[in-house]
Amino acid sequence: MHVLERVRTAPDPVELPSHMQRVYRTSEGVRRIIPGVDDLIHRSAEHLALFSELDPAWSPTSRTGPTDTKVHP
């Protein structure tokens, strides 16, 4: 129940800036490509860290400057 409550009360997602994604419209729908996400996935697995702990380029904290709480491998 704790996980469900955290998801339910979490802040709304922040829209990814358009310059940090490529959007393709096809007959099957919209496809979004986020450059660098493959590397982020590998770093996340290697360091057992959340994306937010790795400070991805599209993170709001990354746009305002890094904090001391982020992991920087």
C-alpha atoms as a PDB file:
ATOM      1  CA  MET A   1       0.000   0.000   0.000  1.00  0.00           C
ATOM      2  CA  HIS A   2       2.917   2.360   0.637  1.00  0.00           C
ATOM      3  CA  VAL A   3       4.075   2.221  -2.990  1.00  0.00           C
ATOM      4  CA  LEU A   4       0.603   2.908  -4.326  1.00  0.00           C
ATOM      5  CA  GLU A   5       0.235   5.879  -1.986  1.00  0.00           C
ATOM      6  CA  ARG A   6       3.609   7.299  -3.070  1.00  0.00           C
ATOM      7  CA  VAL A   7       2.645   6.997  -6.737  1.00  0.00           C
ATOM      8  CA  ARG A   8      -0.763   8.511  -6.094  1.00  0.00           C
ATOM      9  CA  THR A   9       0.607  11.512  -4.199  1.00  0.00           C
ATOM     10  CA  ALA A  10       3.733  12.077  -6.319  1.00  0.00           C
ATOM     11  CA  PRO A  11       4.055  15.367  -8.181  1.00  0.00           C
ATOM     12  CA  ASP A  12       2.924  15.445 -11.793  1.00  0.00           C
ATOM     13  CA  PRO A  13       5.599  14.539 -14.348  1.00  0.00           C
ATOM     14  CA  VAL A  14       7.491  17.415 -15.898  1.00  0.00           C
ATOM     15  CA  GLU A  15       7.303  17.682 -19.681  1.00  0.00           C
ATOM     16  CA  LEU A  16      10.579  16.926 -21.424  1.00  0.00           C
ATOM     17  CA  PRO A  17      11.791  20.014 -23.347  1.00  0.00           C
ATOM     18  CA  SER A  18      11.300  19.609 -27.090  1.00  0.00           C
ATOM     19  CA  HIS A  19      14.998  20.235 -27.842  1.00  0.00           C
ATOM     20  CA  MET A  20      15.897  17.156 -25.742  1.00  0.00           C
ATOM     21  CA  GLN A  21      13.807  14.700 -27.739  1.00  0.00           C
ATOM     22  CA  ARG A  22      13.094  13.715 -31.298  1.00  0.00           C
ATOM     23  CA  VAL A  23       9.455  13.121 -32.143  1.00  0.00           C
ATOM     24  CA  TYR A  24       8.378  10.967 -35.081  1.00  0.00           C
ATOM     25  CA  ARG A  25       4.793  10.600 -36.180  1.00  0.00           C
ATOM     26  CA  THR A  26       3.983   7.392 -37.985  1.00  0.00           C
ATOM     27  CA  SER A  27       0.827   5.567 -38.977  1.00  0.00           C
ATOM     28  CA  GLU A  28       1.219   3.594 -35.726  1.00  0.00           C
ATOM     29  CA  GLY A  29       1.338   6.703 -33.555  1.00  0.00           C
ATOM     30  CA  VAL A  30       3.916   9.013 -32.015  1.00  0.00           C
ATOM     31  CA  ARG A  31       7.431   7.768 -31.265  1.00  0.00           C
ATOM     32  CA  ARG A  32       9.796   9.749 -29.050  1.00  0.00           C
ATOM     33  CA  ILE A  33      13.561   9.247 -29.060  1.00  0.00           C
ATOM     34  CA  ILE A  34      15.553  10.649 -26.153  1.00  0.00           C
ATOM     35  CA  PRO A  35      19.235  10.945 -27.079  1.00  0.00           C
ATOM     36  CA  GLY A  36      21.476   9.510 -24.352  1.00  0.00           C
ATOM     37  CA  VAL A  37      18.821   7.363 -22.678  1.00  0.00           C
ATOM     38  CA  ASP A  38      20.623   4.110 -23.612  1.00  0.00           C
ATOM     39  CA  ASP A  39      23.766   5.289 -21.813  1.00  0.00           C
ATOM     40  CA  LEU A  40      21.669   6.363 -18.846  1.00  0.00           C
ATOM     41  CA  ILE A  41      20.062   2.917 -18.638  1.00  0.00           C
ATOM     42  CA  HIS A  42      23.492   1.245 -18.636  1.00  0.00           C
ATOM     43  CA  ARG A  43      24.813   3.633 -15.950  1.00  0.00           C
ATOM     44  CA  SER A  44      21.700   3.043 -13.875  1.00  0.00           C
ATOM     45  CA  ALA A  45      22.193  -0.723 -13.985  1.00  0.00           C
ATOM     46  CA  GLU A  46      25.953  -0.512 -13.390  1.00  0.00           C
ATOM     47  CA  HIS A  47      25.614   1.730 -10.329  1.00  0.00           C
ATOM     48  CA  LEU A  48      22.238   0.382  -9.126  1.00  0.00           C
ATOM     49  CA  ALA A  49      20.990   3.963  -9.192  1.00  0.00           C
ATOM     50  CA  LEU A  50      17.760   5.657 -10.149  1.00  0.00           C
ATOM     51  CA  PHE A  51      17.760   7.926 -13.194  1.00  0.00           C
ATOM     52  CA  SER A  52      17.195  10.883 -10.874  1.00  0.00           C
ATOM     53  CA  GLU A  53      20.373   9.948  -8.957  1.00  0.00           C
ATOM     54  CA  LEU A  54      22.403  10.063 -12.164  1.00  0.00           C
ATOM     55  CA  ASP A  55      21.248  13.587 -13.062  1.00  0.00           C
ATOM     56  CA  PRO A  56      20.139  13.101 -16.673  1.00  0.00           C
ATOM     57  CA  ALA A  57      20.417  16.097 -18.988  1.00  0.00           C
ATOM     58  CA  TRP A  58      16.635  16.538 -19.074  1.00  0.00           C
ATOM     59  CA  SER A  59      16.327  16.598 -15.267  1.00  0.00           C
ATOM     60  CA  PRO A  60      15.044  19.883 -13.792  1.00  0.00           C
ATOM     61  CA  THR A  61      18.024  19.888 -11.363  1.00  0.00           C
ATOM     62  CA  SER A  62      20.399  19.456 -14.278  1.00  0.00           C
ATOM     63  CA  ARG A  63      18.991  22.589 -15.888  1.00  0.00           C
ATOM     64  CA  THR A  64      19.413  24.612 -12.694  1.00  0.00           C
ATOM     65  CA  GLY A  65      22.763  23.146 -11.645  1.00  0.00           C
ATOM     66  CA  PRO A  66      23.842  19.909  -9.960  1.00  0.00           C
ATOM     67  CA  THR A  67      23.326  19.203  -6.278  1.00  0.00           C
ATOM     68  CA  ASP A  68      25.574  17.375  -3.819  1.00  0.00           C
ATOM     69  CA  THR A  69      23.091  14.501  -3.506  1.00  0.00           C
ATOM     70  CA  LYS A  70      23.500  13.232  -7.069  1.00  0.00           C
ATOM     71  CA  VAL A  71      25.740  10.320  -8.045  1.00  0.00           C
ATOM     72  CA  HIS A  72      28.274  11.310 -10.725  1.00  0.00           C
ATOM     73  CA  PRO A  73      30.115   8.186 -11.939  1.00  0.00           C
END
